[in-house]
Amino acid sequence: MTQLYDPSLQLRRGLAAMLSGLIGEEVTATRVFNPPPLRGRTCVVALYSFMDGTSGAVMQLDLLLACQLAVVLTGDRIPPLAQIEATGKLTENSDDAIREVCNVIGGMFNYTKRRMKLTGVSIQPVNLDTSEVGGSFLPCAIAWSKMPGGRLDLRGRAVDEIMASAKEEAKAASSAGTSLDDIAKLFSGLLKDLCDRKVTITTGASLSFTSDLTASIGAYAQHGGEVAMLVVSELGLSGFMGAAPLKIPLIFVQEQIRRGQLESTVLDGLHEVYNVLTAPYAVRHIRLSSMHWLPGKLPQSVSKLIPANGRIAALNVEIEGFGKGRMALLGDYHLETAGTLAKVEKPPVKV
């Protein structure tokens, strides 16, 4: 089976690969949830334009990250951050190094249909308004083994174009059919990258929809359409999936699971997980439309997809360092390929 890709994940992997090649260290680029403002008072800002002169993207590096990259590339000692913020200048060698970083990252944008060029690098206030550039916003945490790293934020229409290109690759690479084994492979890869830890997903489990089932439900629909599919996860697994990406200590989420109610931060993490699981369905324009809980009153559009006291095939999901639980898919969870729809849901087995 050919792997399908989450477009934003592909962009971050490309960013990490560019920086790894530049500094000779393995670099990671992790998505930042609910990003706070960049540290300090100033940051490095790089502007990129399409060849017709229109703005394409802006990149902001927090000053600490910029200095770390400059140290690796030049070997020079960097002035204290307070001095850099006061003068608005790095050393001459460091300026050249940071411009090289910006040029290398600009090369990533040239994988879009329209070529781009670096048009400026400067030190600006961290509260600089970049919204006029338009397009998507992608905040990343950059790290490598010998340095603490820092934030690198991308915004612009070029970001949208990269993700659109990745979506087209996903469409071309889609498999001719769908099985729970296919889904297990896709979901395990997505969750591994999101949680930054080993995630093992296997088939062979079953989940019974009885009155005592406590589980979260991610409901998915095409834009403006009815709910097409559901992802149902046991309470314990829901807690682990919500906590792992945010690195919430296990002991805290275990207490929430014991009480039978997840707190807002864990729910935010779970919402992001359910969002990420839409990546294999980008071709069908499937999006997370709502989240619900069992037991509880459900909208008719959701409840009609749930078997009454039925048992269906499910996935075993284990997140290293947290725990495991079961996840079931309901509805039309096929992967579209070459115009062919392969609907694979089996009818529930009555108990």
Protein backbone atom coordinates (compact mmCIF):
# COMPACT_ATOMS: atom_id res chain seq x y z
CA MET A 1 0.00 0.00 0.00
CA THR A 2 1.19 3.51 -0.81
CA GLN A 3 1.34 5.92 2.15
CA LEU A 4 -0.99 8.90 2.10
CA TYR A 5 0.19 12.18 3.49
CA ASP A 6 -1.05 14.92 5.78
CA PRO A 7 -0.16 18.09 3.80
CA SER A 8 0.97 20.12 6.83
CA LEU A 9 3.02 17.18 8.06
CA GLN A 10 4.77 17.00 4.70
CA LEU A 11 5.60 20.69 4.87
CA ARG A 12 7.11 20.29 8.34
CA ARG A 13 9.11 17.28 7.23
CA GLY A 14 10.43 19.28 4.29
CA LEU A 15 11.38 22.12 6.60
CA ALA A 16 13.20 19.74 8.94
CA ALA A 17 15.02 18.13 6.00
CA MET A 18 16.17 21.52 4.68
CA LEU A 19 17.57 22.56 8.06
CA SER A 20 19.13 19.14 8.69
CA GLY A 21 21.04 19.35 5.43
CA LEU A 22 22.19 22.88 6.23
CA ILE A 23 23.55 22.34 9.75
CA GLY A 24 24.52 18.66 9.51
CA GLU A 25 22.32 17.64 12.45
CA GLU A 26 19.00 15.82 12.55
CA VAL A 27 16.41 18.55 13.01
CA THR A 28 12.77 18.10 14.00
CA ALA A 29 9.93 20.49 13.16
CA THR A 30 6.91 19.95 15.39
CA ARG A 31 3.60 21.72 15.13
CA VAL A 32 2.89 24.11 18.02
CA PHE A 33 -0.59 23.94 19.53
CA ASN A 34 -2.27 27.21 20.55
CA PRO A 35 1.01 29.07 19.94
CA PRO A 36 1.97 31.78 22.41
CA PRO A 37 3.72 34.94 21.17
CA LEU A 38 7.35 34.53 20.18
CA ARG A 39 9.84 35.01 23.00
CA GLY A 40 11.55 38.32 23.62
CA ARG A 41 10.86 41.69 22.02
CA THR A 42 12.25 41.11 18.53
CA CYS A 43 12.63 38.30 16.01
CA VAL A 44 14.17 37.65 12.61
CA VAL A 45 11.69 38.20 9.78
CA ALA A 46 12.22 36.92 6.22
CA LEU A 47 9.97 38.00 3.36
CA TYR A 48 9.42 35.93 0.22
CA SER A 49 7.76 37.10 -2.98
CA PHE A 50 6.50 35.43 -6.11
CA MET A 51 8.38 36.35 -9.27
CA ASP A 52 5.67 38.88 -10.18
CA GLY A 53 6.48 40.80 -6.99
CA THR A 54 3.41 39.84 -4.96
CA SER A 55 3.93 38.69 -1.38
CA GLY A 56 4.07 34.93 -1.04
CA ALA A 57 5.19 34.12 2.49
CA VAL A 58 6.74 35.47 5.65
CA MET A 59 8.90 33.54 8.10
CA GLN A 60 9.57 34.57 11.70
CA LEU A 61 12.36 33.01 13.79
CA ASP A 62 12.58 33.77 17.47
CA LEU A 63 15.89 35.44 18.27
CA LEU A 64 17.20 32.54 20.36
CA LEU A 65 16.70 30.07 17.49
CA ALA A 66 18.34 32.47 15.02
CA CYS A 67 21.37 32.81 17.30
CA GLN A 68 21.68 29.05 17.74
CA LEU A 69 21.63 28.52 13.97
CA ALA A 70 24.25 31.24 13.55
CA VAL A 71 26.52 29.60 16.16
CA VAL A 72 26.29 26.23 14.41
CA LEU A 73 27.00 27.70 10.98
CA THR A 74 29.75 30.19 11.89
CA GLY A 75 31.26 29.04 15.17
CA ASP A 76 31.24 32.68 16.28
CA ARG A 77 30.26 33.87 19.73
CA ILE A 78 26.95 35.68 19.62
CA PRO A 79 26.33 38.92 21.57
CA PRO A 80 23.80 38.75 24.43
CA LEU A 81 20.18 38.77 23.23
CA ALA A 82 19.53 42.05 25.05
CA GLN A 83 22.32 43.69 23.05
CA ILE A 84 20.95 42.33 19.77
CA GLU A 85 17.47 43.58 20.65
CA ALA A 86 18.86 47.01 21.55
CA THR A 87 20.93 47.41 18.38
CA GLY A 88 18.76 45.42 15.98
CA LYS A 89 21.89 43.75 14.63
CA LEU A 90 23.73 40.43 14.73
CA THR A 91 27.41 40.09 13.86
CA GLU A 92 28.31 40.35 10.18
CA ASN A 93 29.04 36.62 9.92
CA SER A 94 25.80 35.82 11.73
CA ASP A 95 23.82 38.05 9.37
CA ASP A 96 25.24 36.10 6.42
CA ALA A 97 24.46 32.78 8.12
CA ILE A 98 20.85 33.72 8.86
CA ARG A 99 20.37 34.93 5.29
CA GLU A 100 21.65 31.55 4.13
CA VAL A 101 19.11 29.83 6.41
CA CYS A 102 16.35 31.96 4.91
CA ASN A 103 17.52 31.20 1.36
CA VAL A 104 17.59 27.47 2.03
CA ILE A 105 14.07 27.52 3.45
CA GLY A 106 13.01 29.61 0.46
CA GLY A 107 14.09 26.69 -1.71
CA MET A 108 11.29 24.67 -0.14
CA PHE A 109 8.74 27.13 -1.52
CA ASN A 110 10.03 26.51 -5.03
CA TYR A 111 8.39 23.09 -4.97
CA THR A 112 5.14 24.98 -5.57
CA LYS A 113 3.89 25.73 -9.08
CA ARG A 114 5.09 29.34 -8.82
CA ARG A 115 8.71 30.13 -8.07
CA MET A 116 9.64 32.50 -5.26
CA LYS A 117 12.59 34.56 -4.11
CA LEU A 118 13.84 35.91 -0.79
CA THR A 119 13.24 39.67 -0.81
CA GLY A 120 14.34 40.75 2.65
CA VAL A 121 15.69 39.71 6.06
CA SER A 122 15.53 41.98 9.10
CA ILE A 123 15.08 42.09 12.85
CA GLN A 124 11.57 43.26 13.70
CA PRO A 125 9.28 43.44 16.77
CA VAL A 126 7.72 40.08 17.64
CA ASN A 127 4.25 41.65 17.45
CA LEU A 128 4.72 42.52 13.77
CA ASP A 129 1.38 42.05 12.00
CA THR A 130 1.91 39.53 9.18
CA SER A 131 -1.77 38.85 8.49
CA GLU A 132 -1.77 41.02 5.35
CA VAL A 133 0.35 38.34 3.64
CA GLY A 134 -2.72 36.09 3.82
CA GLY A 135 -2.72 32.34 3.56
CA SER A 136 -2.25 29.68 6.21
CA PHE A 137 -0.32 30.06 9.45
CA LEU A 138 2.00 27.22 10.53
CA PRO A 139 3.87 27.65 13.83
CA CYS A 140 6.68 25.13 14.37
CA ALA A 141 9.02 24.17 17.20
CA ILE A 142 12.51 23.53 15.81
CA ALA A 143 14.95 21.38 17.78
CA TRP A 144 18.08 19.28 17.41
CA SER A 145 20.23 17.29 19.79
CA LYS A 146 22.82 19.87 20.86
CA MET A 147 20.61 22.96 21.17
CA PRO A 148 17.29 23.80 22.84
CA GLY A 149 15.93 25.18 19.57
CA GLY A 150 13.02 27.58 19.31
CA ARG A 151 10.07 28.78 17.22
CA LEU A 152 9.85 29.19 13.46
CA ASP A 153 6.53 30.42 12.10
CA LEU A 154 5.46 30.37 8.45
CA ARG A 155 2.54 32.26 6.95
CA GLY A 156 1.40 32.94 3.41
CA ARG A 157 -0.19 31.82 0.20
CA ALA A 158 2.91 29.80 -0.61
CA VAL A 159 2.20 27.67 2.47
CA ASP A 160 -1.25 26.95 1.02
CA GLU A 161 0.29 26.04 -2.33
CA ILE A 162 2.76 23.59 -0.76
CA MET A 163 -0.06 21.88 1.10
CA ALA A 164 -2.17 21.79 -2.06
CA SER A 165 0.70 20.11 -3.89
CA ALA A 166 0.97 17.54 -1.10
CA LYS A 167 -2.75 16.91 -1.41
CA GLU A 168 -2.35 16.20 -5.12
CA GLU A 169 0.46 13.75 -4.30
CA ALA A 170 -1.85 12.07 -1.82
CA LYS A 171 -4.55 11.75 -4.47
CA ALA A 172 -2.14 10.22 -6.98
CA ALA A 173 -0.73 7.84 -4.40
CA SER A 174 -4.07 6.56 -3.09
CA SER A 175 -4.51 2.81 -2.94
CA ALA A 176 -7.16 1.01 -4.93
CA GLY A 177 -9.04 -0.17 -1.86
CA THR A 178 -9.49 0.28 1.83
CA SER A 179 -9.32 -2.17 4.73
CA LEU A 180 -8.87 -1.74 8.45
CA ASP A 181 -5.26 -2.82 7.91
CA ASP A 182 -4.83 0.14 5.54
CA ILE A 183 -6.39 2.50 8.07
CA ALA A 184 -4.21 1.09 10.86
CA LYS A 185 -1.04 1.83 8.89
CA LEU A 186 -2.15 5.34 8.00
CA PHE A 187 -3.34 6.28 11.47
CA SER A 188 -0.27 4.85 13.21
CA GLY A 189 2.02 6.99 11.05
CA LEU A 190 -0.01 10.14 11.63
CA LEU A 191 -0.25 9.61 15.40
CA LYS A 192 3.43 8.71 15.70
CA ASP A 193 4.41 12.05 14.14
CA LEU A 194 1.84 14.01 16.10
CA CYS A 195 2.65 12.42 19.48
CA ASP A 196 6.41 12.17 18.84
CA ARG A 197 6.45 8.62 20.21
CA LYS A 198 5.79 5.07 19.06
CA VAL A 199 2.15 4.33 18.28
CA THR A 200 1.13 0.76 17.46
CA ILE A 201 -2.22 0.12 15.80
CA THR A 202 -3.41 -3.39 14.99
CA THR A 203 -6.64 -4.97 13.79
CA GLY A 204 -8.52 -7.85 15.39
CA ALA A 205 -10.37 -6.03 18.16
CA SER A 206 -14.09 -5.43 18.47
CA LEU A 207 -16.12 -2.74 20.19
CA SER A 208 -19.61 -3.27 21.59
CA PHE A 209 -22.03 -0.36 21.52
CA THR A 210 -23.81 -1.00 24.80
CA SER A 211 -25.35 1.46 27.26
CA ASP A 212 -22.27 1.38 29.50
CA LEU A 213 -19.77 2.33 26.76
CA THR A 214 -17.94 5.57 27.58
CA ALA A 215 -16.26 6.92 24.46
CA SER A 216 -15.55 10.03 22.43
CA ILE A 217 -16.87 10.40 18.91
CA GLY A 218 -15.32 12.38 16.09
CA ALA A 219 -17.96 13.11 13.45
CA TYR A 220 -16.73 13.85 9.92
CA ALA A 221 -18.49 15.40 6.96
CA GLN A 222 -17.80 17.05 3.65
CA HIS A 223 -18.23 20.83 3.65
CA GLY A 224 -21.92 21.56 3.93
CA GLY A 225 -22.82 17.87 3.79
CA GLU A 226 -24.20 15.31 6.22
CA VAL A 227 -22.03 13.33 8.60
CA ALA A 228 -20.33 10.63 6.53
CA MET A 229 -18.17 8.77 9.05
CA LEU A 230 -17.40 8.47 12.75
CA VAL A 231 -14.28 7.62 14.72
CA VAL A 232 -15.21 6.23 18.14
CA SER A 233 -12.52 5.91 20.84
CA GLU A 234 -12.86 4.48 24.33
CA LEU A 235 -12.52 6.97 27.19
CA GLY A 236 -9.05 5.77 28.19
CA LEU A 237 -7.72 5.95 24.65
CA SER A 238 -9.35 9.36 24.21
CA GLY A 239 -7.45 10.63 27.24
CA PHE A 240 -4.15 9.18 26.07
CA MET A 241 -4.58 10.64 22.56
CA GLY A 242 -5.43 14.05 24.01
CA ALA A 243 -2.50 14.07 26.43
CA ALA A 244 0.33 12.59 24.34
CA PRO A 245 0.71 15.38 21.73
CA LEU A 246 0.74 18.02 24.48
CA LYS A 247 3.13 16.01 26.67
CA ILE A 248 0.72 16.09 29.61
CA PRO A 249 2.05 13.75 32.33
CA LEU A 250 0.34 10.36 32.41
CA ILE A 251 -0.59 10.65 36.08
CA PHE A 252 -2.76 13.70 35.39
CA VAL A 253 -4.71 12.14 32.55
CA GLN A 254 -5.15 8.87 34.47
CA GLU A 255 -6.93 10.78 37.21
CA GLN A 256 -9.22 12.40 34.64
CA ILE A 257 -9.98 9.00 33.10
CA ARG A 258 -10.73 7.59 36.55
CA ARG A 259 -13.21 10.43 37.16
CA GLY A 260 -14.77 9.80 33.75
CA GLN A 261 -14.30 13.36 32.52
CA LEU A 262 -11.43 14.89 30.53
CA GLU A 263 -10.34 18.46 31.21
CA SER A 264 -10.30 21.17 28.56
CA THR A 265 -6.58 20.94 27.75
CA VAL A 266 -6.80 17.20 27.09
CA LEU A 267 -9.96 17.77 25.06
CA ASP A 268 -8.07 20.33 22.94
CA GLY A 269 -5.39 17.72 22.27
CA LEU A 270 -8.02 15.10 21.38
CA HIS A 271 -9.70 17.56 19.02
CA GLU A 272 -6.37 18.07 17.26
CA VAL A 273 -5.87 14.29 16.97
CA TYR A 274 -9.29 13.88 15.38
CA ASN A 275 -8.44 16.75 13.02
CA VAL A 276 -5.17 15.10 11.98
CA LEU A 277 -6.95 11.82 11.25
CA THR A 278 -8.71 13.55 8.34
CA ALA A 279 -5.45 13.61 6.36
CA PRO A 280 -6.10 10.36 4.43
CA TYR A 281 -9.50 11.75 3.41
CA ALA A 282 -8.28 15.05 1.95
CA VAL A 283 -9.26 13.93 -1.55
CA ARG A 284 -12.87 13.57 -0.40
CA HIS A 285 -12.76 16.94 1.39
CA ILE A 286 -13.72 15.23 4.65
CA ARG A 287 -13.35 17.44 7.73
CA LEU A 288 -13.99 17.03 11.44
CA SER A 289 -17.41 18.63 11.96
CA SER A 290 -18.13 17.92 15.65
CA MET A 291 -17.19 15.88 18.71
CA HIS A 292 -19.58 14.01 20.99
CA TRP A 293 -19.58 11.60 23.93
CA LEU A 294 -21.19 8.32 24.84
CA PRO A 295 -23.24 7.94 26.91
CA GLY A 296 -25.19 11.03 25.96
CA LYS A 297 -27.78 12.45 23.60
CA LEU A 298 -26.48 12.53 20.04
CA PRO A 299 -27.69 14.39 16.95
CA GLN A 300 -29.71 12.18 14.63
CA SER A 301 -27.05 12.61 11.93
CA VAL A 302 -24.56 10.91 14.27
CA SER A 303 -26.77 8.37 16.03
CA LYS A 304 -28.02 6.89 12.75
CA LEU A 305 -24.49 5.59 12.04
CA ILE A 306 -24.18 3.84 15.41
CA PRO A 307 -25.52 0.28 15.70
CA ALA A 308 -27.94 -0.33 18.57
CA ASN A 309 -26.31 -2.85 20.92
CA GLY A 310 -24.10 -4.03 18.08
CA ARG A 311 -20.50 -5.15 17.94
CA ILE A 312 -18.18 -4.06 15.13
CA ALA A 313 -14.57 -4.66 14.17
CA ALA A 314 -12.18 -2.20 15.81
CA LEU A 315 -8.53 -1.23 16.07
CA ASN A 316 -6.23 -1.75 19.05
CA VAL A 317 -4.30 1.51 19.58
CA GLU A 318 -1.31 1.66 21.95
CA ILE A 319 0.59 4.89 22.62
CA GLU A 320 4.02 4.28 24.10
CA GLY A 321 4.33 5.66 27.61
CA PHE A 322 0.58 6.21 28.00
CA GLY A 323 -1.57 3.16 27.37
CA LYS A 324 -3.93 1.51 24.94
CA GLY A 325 -7.57 1.28 24.00
CA ARG A 326 -9.93 0.51 21.16
CA MET A 327 -11.02 2.67 18.24
CA ALA A 328 -13.82 1.91 15.79
CA LEU A 329 -14.74 3.47 12.46
CA LEU A 330 -18.35 3.75 11.33
CA GLY A 331 -19.94 4.97 8.14
CA ASP A 332 -18.27 5.54 4.79
CA TYR A 333 -14.53 5.54 5.55
CA HIS A 334 -13.34 4.50 2.10
CA LEU A 335 -10.28 6.10 0.49
CA GLU A 336 -11.05 7.52 -2.93
CA THR A 337 -8.75 6.49 -5.78
CA ALA A 338 -9.00 7.19 -9.50
CA GLY A 339 -12.70 7.93 -9.15
CA THR A 340 -13.39 4.53 -7.57
CA LEU A 341 -15.22 4.31 -4.27
CA ALA A 342 -14.36 1.31 -2.13
CA LYS A 343 -16.81 1.14 0.74
CA VAL A 344 -15.53 -1.32 3.29
CA GLU A 345 -17.70 -1.06 6.35
CA LYS A 346 -19.08 -4.42 7.44
CA PRO A 347 -22.53 -4.67 9.02
CA PRO A 348 -22.49 -4.92 12.80
CA VAL A 349 -22.75 -8.34 14.41
CA LYS A 350 -25.65 -8.48 16.81
CA VAL A 351 -24.91 -9.67 20.34
